[in-house]
Amino acid sequence: MKRIIILFVVFFTTALLVNAQNVKREFLGMWTLDIEDGSVGWLGLNDNNGSLEADMLWQGGSITPASSAFFFDDHTLVVTVSSNPRQNDPRRAISTRAYIFERTGDNLTGTLITPSRDGMSVTKRKFVGWRLADPAPAPDLSKVKYGTPVKLFNGKDLTGWRLINPNQANGFKVINGELVNDPVSPEGQRLSFGNIRTDNEFDDFKLTLEVSIPAGSNSGVYLRGIYEVQVADSYGKPLDPHTMGALFGRIIPSESAEKRTGEWQTMEMILCERHLTVVLNGIKIIDNKPVYGPTGGAMHADVLRSGPIYLQGDHGKVSFRNIVLTPIQKN
């Protein structure tokens, strides 16, 4: 009888442990995050041979590998991201942000905890999130049907475009039929320049345009307001997820196809069923690759909804022309 009881206890304890592990494993995967100020984040969590690993995107910038990821309990995940101290500032310790995720089914509630510089207080920001399914298999682009092309820029004025944040300065103007962004503050002033977006919103599409980039400058073309295709003076530089034509921080181009500084360059971008194709100067540099989540600076967290085209206006001088969007027809 005693042996039976012991076996039962062992079996029951093992079952509880297995169940707890299964509950925790339901955190694995991708989560899109809606931050309380309207900005966007993303969490990718995976099990790498028994070791928990996390990648974070928070508002702007690129995806950052977490310093640590661990479970506080079956339904609470803690992710920390550390940044190095500034150079030549021995007083500044490594800064660590802690993200607390609480899961209920396929939904998250969370809090970002950021310590003050002196470590005597913290600030907190709330966010919510939901599970993001993997993209479906790559669509057959040869079978895609297109609608009527839409000219997004008329070559005369900014009709059809507006600032995302109307409280910021608009550095975009039309010069000789070109849409030119030149975010330079007048002498004695320091203006905050904003991004512009189309009034209309779109689902899947093909977008074509021409762009000219001065030396050292950069911008970005956001598809549906959430995926930034990088526009940068990167001629002659090694490939990385921030060179010309990359999906910023996510997809590295297969080869360099940039032209020299100041030359007009052609871009074709196809967004179809959460897959991206980029053709730069006639060379396909991203070939129908899956897009797993938003990039830094995304306007909203829902990757399944329609959105505008938006052009980054706060980085440097850049000129656009012949901006045409052709919608993909749904079956």
Protein backbone atom coordinates (compact mmCIF):
# COMPACT_ATOMS: atom_id res chain seq x y z
CA MET A 1 0.00 0.00 0.00
CA LYS A 2 2.82 2.37 0.92
CA ARG A 3 4.49 1.71 -2.42
CA ILE A 4 1.25 2.51 -4.25
CA ILE A 5 0.95 5.81 -2.38
CA ILE A 6 4.54 6.73 -3.21
CA LEU A 7 4.01 5.91 -6.88
CA PHE A 8 0.83 7.99 -6.90
CA VAL A 9 2.62 10.98 -5.32
CA VAL A 10 5.48 10.71 -7.82
CA PHE A 11 3.04 10.44 -10.73
CA PHE A 12 0.94 13.36 -9.48
CA THR A 13 3.99 15.56 -8.87
CA THR A 14 5.39 14.74 -12.29
CA ALA A 15 2.05 15.55 -13.90
CA LEU A 16 1.99 18.94 -12.16
CA LEU A 17 5.52 19.73 -13.31
CA VAL A 18 4.74 18.73 -16.88
CA ASN A 19 1.58 20.83 -16.86
CA ALA A 20 3.48 23.83 -15.49
CA GLN A 21 6.09 23.46 -18.22
CA ASN A 22 3.35 23.24 -20.88
CA VAL A 23 1.68 26.37 -19.53
CA LYS A 24 4.97 28.25 -19.67
CA ARG A 25 5.66 27.01 -23.19
CA GLU A 26 2.46 28.72 -24.31
CA PHE A 27 4.44 31.96 -24.01
CA LEU A 28 6.72 30.86 -26.84
CA GLY A 29 6.24 32.60 -30.17
CA MET A 30 5.68 36.18 -31.27
CA TRP A 31 3.65 38.90 -29.59
CA THR A 32 2.81 42.36 -30.87
CA LEU A 33 2.64 45.09 -28.22
CA ASP A 34 0.43 48.18 -28.05
CA ILE A 35 2.08 50.72 -25.71
CA GLU A 36 -0.06 53.17 -23.74
CA ASP A 37 1.23 56.24 -25.64
CA GLY A 38 0.20 54.72 -28.97
CA SER A 39 3.63 53.45 -29.97
CA VAL A 40 4.43 49.84 -30.82
CA GLY A 41 6.58 46.99 -29.53
CA TRP A 42 7.20 43.34 -30.31
CA LEU A 43 8.36 40.29 -28.37
CA GLY A 44 9.82 37.12 -29.83
CA LEU A 45 10.33 34.26 -27.34
CA ASN A 46 11.86 30.91 -28.17
CA ASP A 47 13.41 27.84 -26.56
CA ASN A 48 16.97 27.37 -27.81
CA ASN A 49 17.91 23.82 -26.78
CA GLY A 50 16.36 24.25 -23.35
CA SER A 51 17.47 27.87 -22.86
CA LEU A 52 14.86 30.62 -22.92
CA GLU A 53 15.74 33.46 -25.33
CA ALA A 54 13.88 36.68 -26.10
CA ASP A 55 14.12 39.52 -28.62
CA MET A 56 12.49 42.89 -27.98
CA LEU A 57 11.40 45.82 -30.10
CA TRP A 58 10.30 48.87 -28.15
CA GLN A 59 9.01 51.91 -30.04
CA GLY A 60 11.92 52.88 -32.33
CA GLY A 61 15.22 51.43 -33.39
CA SER A 62 15.97 47.78 -34.08
CA ILE A 63 15.13 44.49 -32.44
CA THR A 64 17.36 43.92 -29.41
CA PRO A 65 18.34 40.55 -27.90
CA ALA A 66 17.26 40.43 -24.27
CA SER A 67 19.83 40.24 -21.50
CA SER A 68 17.68 37.68 -19.72
CA ALA A 69 14.26 36.04 -19.85
CA PHE A 70 12.76 34.00 -17.03
CA PHE A 71 9.45 32.97 -15.55
CA PHE A 72 8.34 34.48 -12.26
CA ASP A 73 5.45 32.02 -12.19
CA ASP A 74 3.44 29.99 -14.71
CA HIS A 75 1.70 33.06 -16.12
CA THR A 76 4.31 35.79 -15.61
CA LEU A 77 7.38 36.34 -17.77
CA VAL A 78 10.19 38.78 -16.97
CA VAL A 79 12.46 40.07 -19.76
CA THR A 80 15.37 42.42 -19.13
CA VAL A 81 17.27 44.53 -21.67
CA SER A 82 20.50 46.27 -20.67
CA SER A 83 22.36 49.13 -22.31
CA ASN A 84 26.00 50.00 -21.83
CA PRO A 85 27.05 53.18 -20.01
CA ARG A 86 28.09 56.20 -21.99
CA GLN A 87 31.76 56.46 -22.76
CA ASN A 88 33.87 58.55 -20.38
CA ASP A 89 31.07 58.66 -17.82
CA PRO A 90 32.15 56.41 -14.92
CA ARG A 91 29.23 57.61 -12.81
CA ARG A 92 26.67 56.05 -15.11
CA ALA A 93 26.06 52.37 -14.46
CA ILE A 94 24.64 49.94 -16.98
CA SER A 95 20.96 50.72 -17.41
CA THR A 96 18.53 47.82 -17.28
CA ARG A 97 14.88 47.88 -18.27
CA ALA A 98 12.55 45.18 -17.04
CA TYR A 99 9.45 44.12 -18.96
CA ILE A 100 6.83 42.22 -16.94
CA PHE A 101 4.43 40.17 -19.08
CA GLU A 102 1.30 38.54 -17.68
CA ARG A 103 -0.50 36.17 -20.04
CA THR A 104 -4.15 35.20 -20.23
CA GLY A 105 -4.65 32.92 -23.20
CA ASP A 106 -3.47 34.71 -26.32
CA ASN A 107 -3.41 38.13 -24.67
CA LEU A 108 -0.82 39.96 -22.59
CA THR A 109 -0.85 42.80 -20.12
CA GLY A 110 2.47 44.28 -19.20
CA THR A 111 4.54 46.91 -17.47
CA LEU A 112 7.90 48.36 -18.41
CA ILE A 113 9.97 49.31 -15.37
CA THR A 114 12.83 51.75 -15.99
CA PRO A 115 15.11 52.81 -13.10
CA SER A 116 16.13 56.42 -12.70
CA ARG A 117 19.75 57.35 -13.25
CA ASP A 118 20.46 57.46 -9.51
CA GLY A 119 18.58 54.23 -8.86
CA MET A 120 16.34 55.86 -6.28
CA SER A 121 13.09 55.58 -8.26
CA VAL A 122 11.49 54.00 -11.29
CA THR A 123 9.10 54.95 -14.04
CA LYS A 124 6.42 52.57 -15.27
CA ARG A 125 4.66 52.27 -18.61
CA LYS A 126 1.75 50.01 -19.35
CA PHE A 127 1.12 48.03 -22.51
CA VAL A 128 -1.08 45.26 -23.83
CA GLY A 129 -0.28 42.63 -26.41
CA TRP A 130 -1.61 39.69 -28.32
CA ARG A 131 -0.20 36.59 -29.98
CA LEU A 132 1.00 37.04 -33.54
CA ALA A 133 0.67 33.99 -35.74
CA ASP A 134 3.43 33.04 -38.16
CA PRO A 135 2.91 34.31 -41.72
CA ALA A 136 1.29 31.85 -44.10
CA PRO A 137 3.46 30.22 -46.78
CA ALA A 138 4.84 32.63 -49.36
CA PRO A 139 2.22 33.65 -51.94
CA ASP A 140 2.70 32.87 -55.62
CA LEU A 141 3.28 36.37 -56.93
CA SER A 142 2.88 35.20 -60.52
CA LYS A 143 -0.82 34.67 -59.78
CA VAL A 144 -1.42 37.97 -58.04
CA LYS A 145 -3.94 40.26 -59.72
CA TYR A 146 -3.47 44.01 -59.52
CA GLY A 147 -6.00 46.81 -59.58
CA THR A 148 -5.75 50.30 -61.00
CA PRO A 149 -2.51 52.17 -60.19
CA VAL A 150 -2.88 55.18 -57.89
CA LYS A 151 -0.55 58.16 -58.21
CA LEU A 152 0.26 59.14 -54.63
CA PHE A 153 2.24 62.29 -55.44
CA ASN A 154 0.93 64.75 -58.04
CA GLY A 155 4.24 66.59 -58.53
CA LYS A 156 2.63 69.93 -57.63
CA ASP A 157 1.78 69.99 -53.92
CA LEU A 158 1.19 67.81 -50.84
CA THR A 159 -2.41 66.95 -51.68
CA GLY A 160 -3.16 63.51 -50.22
CA TRP A 161 -0.42 63.75 -47.57
CA ARG A 162 -0.37 65.08 -44.03
CA LEU A 163 1.83 65.11 -40.96
CA ILE A 164 1.35 62.16 -38.63
CA ASN A 165 1.88 64.52 -35.69
CA PRO A 166 0.41 67.92 -36.59
CA ASN A 167 2.37 69.54 -33.75
CA GLN A 168 5.67 68.89 -35.51
CA ALA A 169 7.27 70.89 -38.31
CA ASN A 170 6.90 69.71 -41.90
CA GLY A 171 10.20 69.59 -43.78
CA PHE A 172 8.58 68.31 -46.99
CA LYS A 173 7.96 70.65 -49.92
CA VAL A 174 7.60 70.34 -53.68
CA ILE A 175 10.53 71.60 -55.78
CA ASN A 176 10.59 71.16 -59.57
CA GLY A 177 8.10 68.29 -59.41
CA GLU A 178 10.00 66.48 -56.66
CA LEU A 179 8.90 65.79 -53.09
CA VAL A 180 11.87 67.08 -51.12
CA ASN A 181 12.42 66.72 -47.40
CA ASP A 182 14.99 69.11 -45.94
CA PRO A 183 14.65 69.12 -42.13
CA VAL A 184 16.85 72.12 -41.34
CA SER A 185 15.78 74.46 -38.55
CA PRO A 186 15.96 78.22 -39.17
CA GLU A 187 18.83 80.02 -37.47
CA GLY A 188 18.15 80.45 -33.77
CA GLN A 189 15.42 77.78 -33.70
CA ARG A 190 15.37 74.06 -33.05
CA LEU A 191 12.37 72.48 -34.71
CA SER A 192 11.11 68.94 -34.32
CA PHE A 193 10.41 67.64 -37.82
CA GLY A 194 7.71 65.05 -38.41
CA ASN A 195 6.86 62.20 -40.75
CA ILE A 196 4.18 62.45 -43.41
CA ARG A 197 1.57 59.86 -44.35
CA THR A 198 -0.98 59.36 -47.07
CA ASP A 199 -4.56 60.27 -46.25
CA ASN A 200 -5.66 56.95 -47.72
CA GLU A 201 -4.89 53.53 -46.27
CA PHE A 202 -4.14 50.33 -48.12
CA ASP A 203 -4.05 46.57 -47.75
CA ASP A 204 -1.58 44.62 -49.93
CA PHE A 205 0.01 46.39 -52.90
CA LYS A 206 2.97 47.13 -55.14
CA LEU A 207 4.63 50.48 -54.52
CA THR A 208 7.08 52.03 -56.97
CA LEU A 209 9.05 55.25 -56.59
CA GLU A 210 12.28 57.03 -57.36
CA VAL A 211 14.52 58.46 -54.66
CA SER A 212 17.70 60.52 -54.46
CA ILE A 213 19.79 60.55 -51.28
CA PRO A 214 22.51 63.09 -50.47
CA ALA A 215 25.75 61.98 -48.82
CA GLY A 216 25.30 60.65 -45.31
CA SER A 217 21.53 61.04 -45.33
CA ASN A 218 18.78 58.52 -44.73
CA SER A 219 15.01 58.14 -44.57
CA GLY A 220 12.48 55.35 -44.70
CA VAL A 221 9.38 54.25 -46.59
CA TYR A 222 6.82 52.67 -44.26
CA LEU A 223 4.45 50.18 -45.85
CA ARG A 224 0.99 50.17 -44.27
CA GLY A 225 2.52 52.42 -41.65
CA ILE A 226 4.32 49.55 -39.89
CA TYR A 227 7.12 48.12 -42.06
CA GLU A 228 10.08 50.40 -42.81
CA VAL A 229 12.03 49.80 -45.99
CA GLN A 230 15.30 51.59 -45.43
CA VAL A 231 16.37 54.51 -47.62
CA ALA A 232 20.03 55.33 -46.95
CA ASP A 233 23.29 56.46 -48.47
CA SER A 234 24.99 53.07 -48.06
CA TYR A 235 26.85 52.72 -51.37
CA GLY A 236 30.01 50.67 -50.86
CA LYS A 237 29.14 49.66 -47.31
CA PRO A 238 28.80 46.06 -46.06
CA LEU A 239 25.30 44.58 -46.12
CA ASP A 240 23.35 44.72 -42.89
CA PRO A 241 19.69 45.20 -41.87
CA HIS A 242 20.10 49.00 -42.14
CA THR A 243 21.49 49.38 -45.66
CA MET A 244 19.49 50.63 -48.65
CA GLY A 245 16.43 48.48 -49.35
CA ALA A 246 16.59 46.45 -46.14
CA LEU A 247 13.50 45.87 -44.04
CA PHE A 248 14.85 47.90 -41.16
CA GLY A 249 16.31 45.69 -38.46
CA ARG A 250 14.67 42.56 -39.84
CA ILE A 251 15.68 41.51 -43.36
CA ILE A 252 19.15 41.99 -44.85
CA PRO A 253 19.23 42.47 -48.66
CA SER A 254 20.66 39.54 -50.60
CA GLU A 255 23.09 41.83 -52.41
CA SER A 256 24.09 45.47 -52.74
CA ALA A 257 22.26 47.32 -55.52
CA GLU A 258 22.66 50.95 -54.44
CA LYS A 259 23.78 53.69 -56.76
CA ARG A 260 26.25 56.38 -55.83
CA THR A 261 25.31 59.34 -53.69
CA GLY A 262 22.88 61.76 -55.29
CA GLU A 263 21.85 59.54 -58.22
CA TRP A 264 18.18 58.77 -58.76
CA GLN A 265 17.35 55.20 -57.75
CA THR A 266 14.26 53.10 -58.44
CA MET A 267 12.49 51.05 -55.81
CA GLU A 268 9.70 48.50 -56.19
CA MET A 269 8.15 47.05 -53.03
CA ILE A 270 5.50 44.34 -53.00
CA LEU A 271 3.70 43.61 -49.75
CA CYS A 272 1.50 40.53 -50.06
CA GLU A 273 0.17 38.29 -47.28
CA ARG A 274 2.84 39.44 -44.81
CA HIS A 275 5.63 38.76 -47.30
CA LEU A 276 7.92 41.41 -48.76
CA THR A 277 9.69 41.72 -52.09
CA VAL A 278 12.06 44.61 -52.80
CA VAL A 279 13.57 45.38 -56.19
CA LEU A 280 16.25 48.08 -56.07
CA ASN A 281 17.50 49.54 -59.35
CA GLY A 282 16.18 46.51 -61.22
CA ILE A 283 17.81 43.96 -58.88
CA LYS A 284 15.68 41.82 -56.57
CA ILE A 285 17.28 42.14 -53.14
CA ILE A 286 14.43 40.76 -50.98
CA ASP A 287 12.55 37.88 -52.56
CA ASN A 288 9.10 37.22 -51.10
CA LYS A 289 10.42 36.93 -47.54
CA PRO A 290 8.12 36.60 -44.52
CA VAL A 291 7.74 39.63 -42.25
CA TYR A 292 7.38 38.52 -38.65
CA GLY A 293 6.38 41.79 -37.06
CA PRO A 294 6.48 45.59 -37.15
CA THR A 295 9.66 47.62 -37.37
CA GLY A 296 10.68 50.52 -35.14
CA GLY A 297 8.51 53.60 -35.58
CA ALA A 298 5.39 51.65 -36.56
CA MET A 299 2.15 53.62 -36.35
CA HIS A 300 0.02 50.81 -34.96
CA ALA A 301 0.42 47.31 -33.55
CA ASP A 302 -2.09 45.37 -35.68
CA VAL A 303 -0.19 43.81 -38.57
CA LEU A 304 -3.43 42.55 -40.14
CA ARG A 305 -5.12 45.91 -40.65
CA SER A 306 -4.74 48.33 -43.53
CA GLY A 307 -2.52 51.38 -43.18
CA PRO A 308 -0.97 54.34 -45.01
CA ILE A 309 2.31 54.85 -46.77
CA TYR A 310 4.47 57.08 -44.62
CA LEU A 311 7.77 58.78 -45.32
CA GLN A 312 10.30 59.46 -42.60
CA GLY A 313 10.95 63.17 -42.29
CA ASP A 314 13.12 63.61 -39.20
CA HIS A 315 16.48 62.16 -40.34
CA GLY A 316 17.95 63.96 -43.31
CA LYS A 317 17.47 65.44 -46.74
CA VAL A 318 15.96 63.16 -49.37
CA SER A 319 13.95 63.61 -52.59
CA PHE A 320 11.16 61.43 -53.99
CA ARG A 321 9.29 61.39 -57.29
CA ASN A 322 6.96 59.15 -59.33
CA ILE A 323 5.32 57.54 -56.29
CA VAL A 324 2.71 55.08 -57.57
CA LEU A 325 0.78 52.41 -55.63
CA THR A 326 -0.99 49.54 -57.35
CA PRO A 327 -3.38 47.62 -55.06
CA ILE A 328 -3.48 43.84 -55.02
CA GLN A 329 -6.98 42.55 -55.63
CA LYS A 330 -8.36 40.12 -53.10
CA ASN A 331 -10.01 36.94 -54.34
